């Protein structure tokens, strides 16, 4: 293990920031804000865990791997949010443009802010114990066993809270609760 050294972390940042940014930029089809946020997350994660890391034979490989993990995890979180939103709001199939991006119909675009506001309201309507597991599972991409470890619950308790929350969300949005949930 090593001691945190701002000089060493700064040197790694200066040496690899462009590579990290390019990878993040390509990962998200050229979204500079998304790439900058992920780049910041990579180096913050490295700085926060510096003293827990073993000596690195190849800092570039480690930083590259960390960059990929950060990008993949963020995409999963976003997909989980889209899945949750689509489950309650958008029943129509997605339409894709030739460039591979989603086409947002004008009517849908006009109401997205309202839907997000409704989602916030729906989450706020959940009991705190259910809200926590929904946020961790759907928005933060934490799996059920890890949620259990974090909250000191068994997997069954986490699953029951998720199931109860999904039922309550369905009621909130005026949909019949599915028996398989």
Protein backbone atom coordinates (compact mmCIF):
# COMPACT_ATOMS: atom_id res chain seq x y z
CA UNK A 1 0.00 0.00 0.00
CA UNK A 2 1.11 3.55 -0.54
CA UNK A 3 0.69 6.93 1.05
CA UNK A 4 -1.25 9.61 -0.79
CA UNK A 5 1.07 11.97 -2.58
CA UNK A 6 -0.47 14.95 -4.29
CA UNK A 7 2.64 15.25 -6.49
CA UNK A 8 2.27 11.67 -7.74
CA UNK A 9 -1.46 11.98 -8.32
CA UNK A 10 -0.94 15.32 -10.08
CA UNK A 11 1.76 13.76 -12.26
CA UNK A 12 -0.56 10.87 -13.19
CA UNK A 13 -3.33 13.36 -13.95
CA UNK A 14 -1.12 15.44 -16.22
CA UNK A 15 0.26 12.36 -17.96
CA UNK A 16 -3.08 10.62 -18.57
CA UNK A 17 -5.90 13.19 -18.50
CA UNK A 18 -6.04 13.52 -22.30
CA UNK A 19 -6.24 9.76 -22.79
CA UNK A 20 -8.99 9.45 -20.15
CA UNK A 21 -10.96 12.30 -21.71
CA UNK A 22 -10.67 10.82 -25.23
CA UNK A 23 -11.84 7.41 -24.04
CA UNK A 24 -14.79 8.94 -22.20
CA UNK A 25 -15.62 11.13 -25.18
CA UNK A 26 -15.68 8.15 -27.54
CA UNK A 27 -17.64 6.09 -25.05
CA UNK A 28 -20.47 8.62 -25.12
CA UNK A 29 -20.46 9.58 -28.81
CA UNK A 30 -18.75 12.92 -28.36
CA UNK A 31 -20.60 14.42 -25.37
CA UNK A 32 -17.93 16.73 -23.88
CA UNK A 33 -19.75 17.41 -20.61
CA UNK A 34 -20.32 13.71 -19.97
CA UNK A 35 -16.68 12.98 -20.79
CA UNK A 36 -15.41 15.72 -18.49
CA UNK A 37 -17.60 14.46 -15.64
CA UNK A 38 -16.34 10.88 -16.08
CA UNK A 39 -12.73 12.08 -16.31
CA UNK A 40 -13.16 13.93 -13.03
CA UNK A 41 -14.71 10.82 -11.47
CA UNK A 42 -11.77 8.64 -12.57
CA UNK A 43 -9.17 10.89 -10.96
CA UNK A 44 -11.25 11.53 -7.84
CA UNK A 45 -11.63 7.77 -7.41
CA UNK A 46 -7.90 7.32 -7.85
CA UNK A 47 -7.12 10.06 -5.30
CA UNK A 48 -9.66 8.77 -2.76
CA UNK A 49 -8.33 5.21 -2.90
CA UNK A 50 -4.68 5.97 -3.45
CA UNK A 51 -3.50 4.62 -0.10
CA UNK A 52 -5.42 1.36 -0.67
CA UNK A 53 -3.87 0.66 -4.05
CA UNK A 54 -0.87 -1.62 -4.45
CA UNK A 55 2.17 -0.40 -6.34
CA UNK A 56 1.22 -0.25 -10.01
CA UNK A 57 3.44 -1.82 -12.64
CA UNK A 58 1.53 0.05 -15.32
CA UNK A 59 -0.32 3.15 -14.13
CA UNK A 60 -1.65 3.71 -17.66
CA UNK A 61 -3.28 0.27 -17.74
CA UNK A 62 -4.77 0.79 -14.29
CA UNK A 63 -6.13 4.23 -15.22
CA UNK A 64 -7.49 2.90 -18.51
CA UNK A 65 -9.26 0.04 -16.71
CA UNK A 66 -10.65 2.45 -14.11
CA UNK A 67 -11.86 4.74 -16.91
CA UNK A 68 -13.68 1.89 -18.63
CA UNK A 69 -15.29 0.79 -15.36
CA UNK A 70 -16.44 4.34 -14.57
CA UNK A 71 -17.94 4.75 -18.05
CA UNK A 72 -19.65 1.36 -18.02
CA UNK A 73 -21.11 1.95 -14.57
CA UNK A 74 -22.45 5.36 -15.58
CA UNK A 75 -24.07 3.97 -18.72
CA UNK A 76 -25.69 1.22 -16.62
CA UNK A 77 -27.05 3.78 -14.16
CA UNK A 78 -28.48 5.80 -17.03
CA UNK A 79 -30.01 2.68 -18.61
CA UNK A 80 -31.58 1.74 -15.29
CA UNK A 81 -33.10 5.20 -15.02
CA UNK A 82 -34.40 4.96 -18.61
CA UNK A 83 -35.86 1.52 -17.86
CA UNK A 84 -37.61 2.88 -14.79
CA UNK A 85 -38.91 5.91 -16.69
CA UNK A 86 -40.05 3.79 -19.65
CA UNK A 87 -41.83 1.37 -17.39
CA UNK A 88 -44.13 4.08 -16.10
CA UNK A 89 -44.13 6.76 -18.79
CA UNK A 90 -43.13 5.82 -22.31
CA UNK A 91 -44.92 2.85 -23.77
CA UNK A 92 -44.16 3.65 -27.42
CA UNK A 93 -41.15 1.95 -29.01
CA UNK A 94 -37.94 3.91 -29.38
CA UNK A 95 -37.06 5.38 -32.75
CA UNK A 96 -33.40 5.65 -33.66
CA UNK A 97 -31.78 8.07 -36.07
CA UNK A 98 -29.17 7.10 -38.64
CA UNK A 99 -26.53 8.45 -36.25
CA UNK A 100 -27.58 5.92 -33.62
CA UNK A 101 -29.13 8.42 -31.24
CA UNK A 102 -32.67 8.31 -29.95
CA UNK A 103 -35.15 10.44 -31.82
CA UNK A 104 -37.22 12.38 -29.35
CA UNK A 105 -40.66 13.17 -30.63
CA UNK A 106 -41.62 16.81 -29.95
CA UNK A 107 -44.61 15.86 -27.80
CA UNK A 108 -42.44 13.57 -25.70
CA UNK A 109 -39.65 16.14 -25.36
CA UNK A 110 -42.12 18.73 -24.10
CA UNK A 111 -43.29 16.45 -21.30
CA UNK A 112 -39.98 14.90 -20.18
CA UNK A 113 -39.43 17.56 -17.52
CA UNK A 114 -42.92 16.90 -16.17
CA UNK A 115 -42.27 13.15 -16.08
CA UNK A 116 -39.02 13.62 -14.21
CA UNK A 117 -40.85 15.83 -11.76
CA UNK A 118 -43.47 13.09 -11.35
CA UNK A 119 -40.73 10.51 -10.84
CA UNK A 120 -39.21 12.65 -8.09
CA UNK A 121 -42.67 12.91 -6.54
CA UNK A 122 -43.16 9.18 -6.80
CA UNK A 123 -39.81 8.47 -5.15
CA UNK A 124 -40.63 10.97 -2.41
CA UNK A 125 -43.93 9.17 -1.78
CA UNK A 126 -42.14 5.92 -0.94
CA UNK A 127 -41.27 5.07 2.64
CA UNK A 128 -37.62 5.86 3.30
CA UNK A 129 -36.58 2.19 3.50
CA UNK A 130 -38.09 1.50 0.09
CA UNK A 131 -36.82 4.74 -1.43
CA UNK A 132 -33.25 3.90 -0.44
CA UNK A 133 -33.27 0.50 -2.14
CA UNK A 134 -34.97 1.87 -5.28
CA UNK A 135 -32.38 4.63 -5.60
CA UNK A 136 -29.49 2.24 -4.97
CA UNK A 137 -30.80 -0.47 -7.32
CA UNK A 138 -32.24 1.54 -10.21
CA UNK A 139 -30.28 4.76 -10.15
CA UNK A 140 -26.93 3.76 -8.67
CA UNK A 141 -26.70 0.26 -10.19
CA UNK A 142 -25.93 -1.47 -6.91
CA UNK A 143 -26.89 -5.14 -6.99
CA UNK A 144 -29.13 -6.75 -4.36
CA UNK A 145 -26.38 -8.57 -2.43
CA UNK A 146 -24.32 -5.36 -2.19
CA UNK A 147 -27.37 -3.36 -1.06
CA UNK A 148 -27.86 -5.99 1.63
CA UNK A 149 -24.25 -5.64 2.78
CA UNK A 150 -24.44 -1.86 2.83
CA UNK A 151 -27.76 -1.74 4.70
CA UNK A 152 -27.06 -4.79 6.87
CA UNK A 153 -30.05 -6.67 5.44
CA UNK A 154 -30.40 -10.10 3.92
CA UNK A 155 -31.09 -10.40 0.18
CA UNK A 156 -34.70 -11.38 0.81
CA UNK A 157 -35.39 -8.18 2.74
CA UNK A 158 -33.90 -6.08 -0.04
CA UNK A 159 -35.97 -7.94 -2.64
CA UNK A 160 -39.17 -7.50 -0.62
CA UNK A 161 -38.54 -3.77 -0.30
CA UNK A 162 -37.95 -3.48 -4.05
CA UNK A 163 -41.11 -5.45 -4.79
CA UNK A 164 -43.18 -3.31 -2.41
CA UNK A 165 -41.71 -0.14 -3.91
CA UNK A 166 -42.49 -1.26 -7.48
CA UNK A 167 -46.09 -1.97 -6.46
CA UNK A 168 -46.40 1.42 -4.79
CA UNK A 169 -44.87 3.16 -7.82
CA UNK A 170 -47.33 1.37 -10.09
CA UNK A 171 -50.21 2.61 -7.91
CA UNK A 172 -48.73 6.11 -7.87
CA UNK A 173 -48.70 6.13 -11.67
CA UNK A 174 -52.16 4.58 -11.93
CA UNK A 175 -51.09 1.22 -13.28
CA UNK A 176 -52.22 -2.14 -11.97
CA UNK A 177 -49.49 -3.86 -9.97
CA UNK A 178 -48.16 -6.91 -11.78
CA UNK A 179 -48.38 -10.23 -9.96
CA UNK A 180 -44.85 -11.18 -11.08
CA UNK A 181 -43.35 -8.10 -9.38
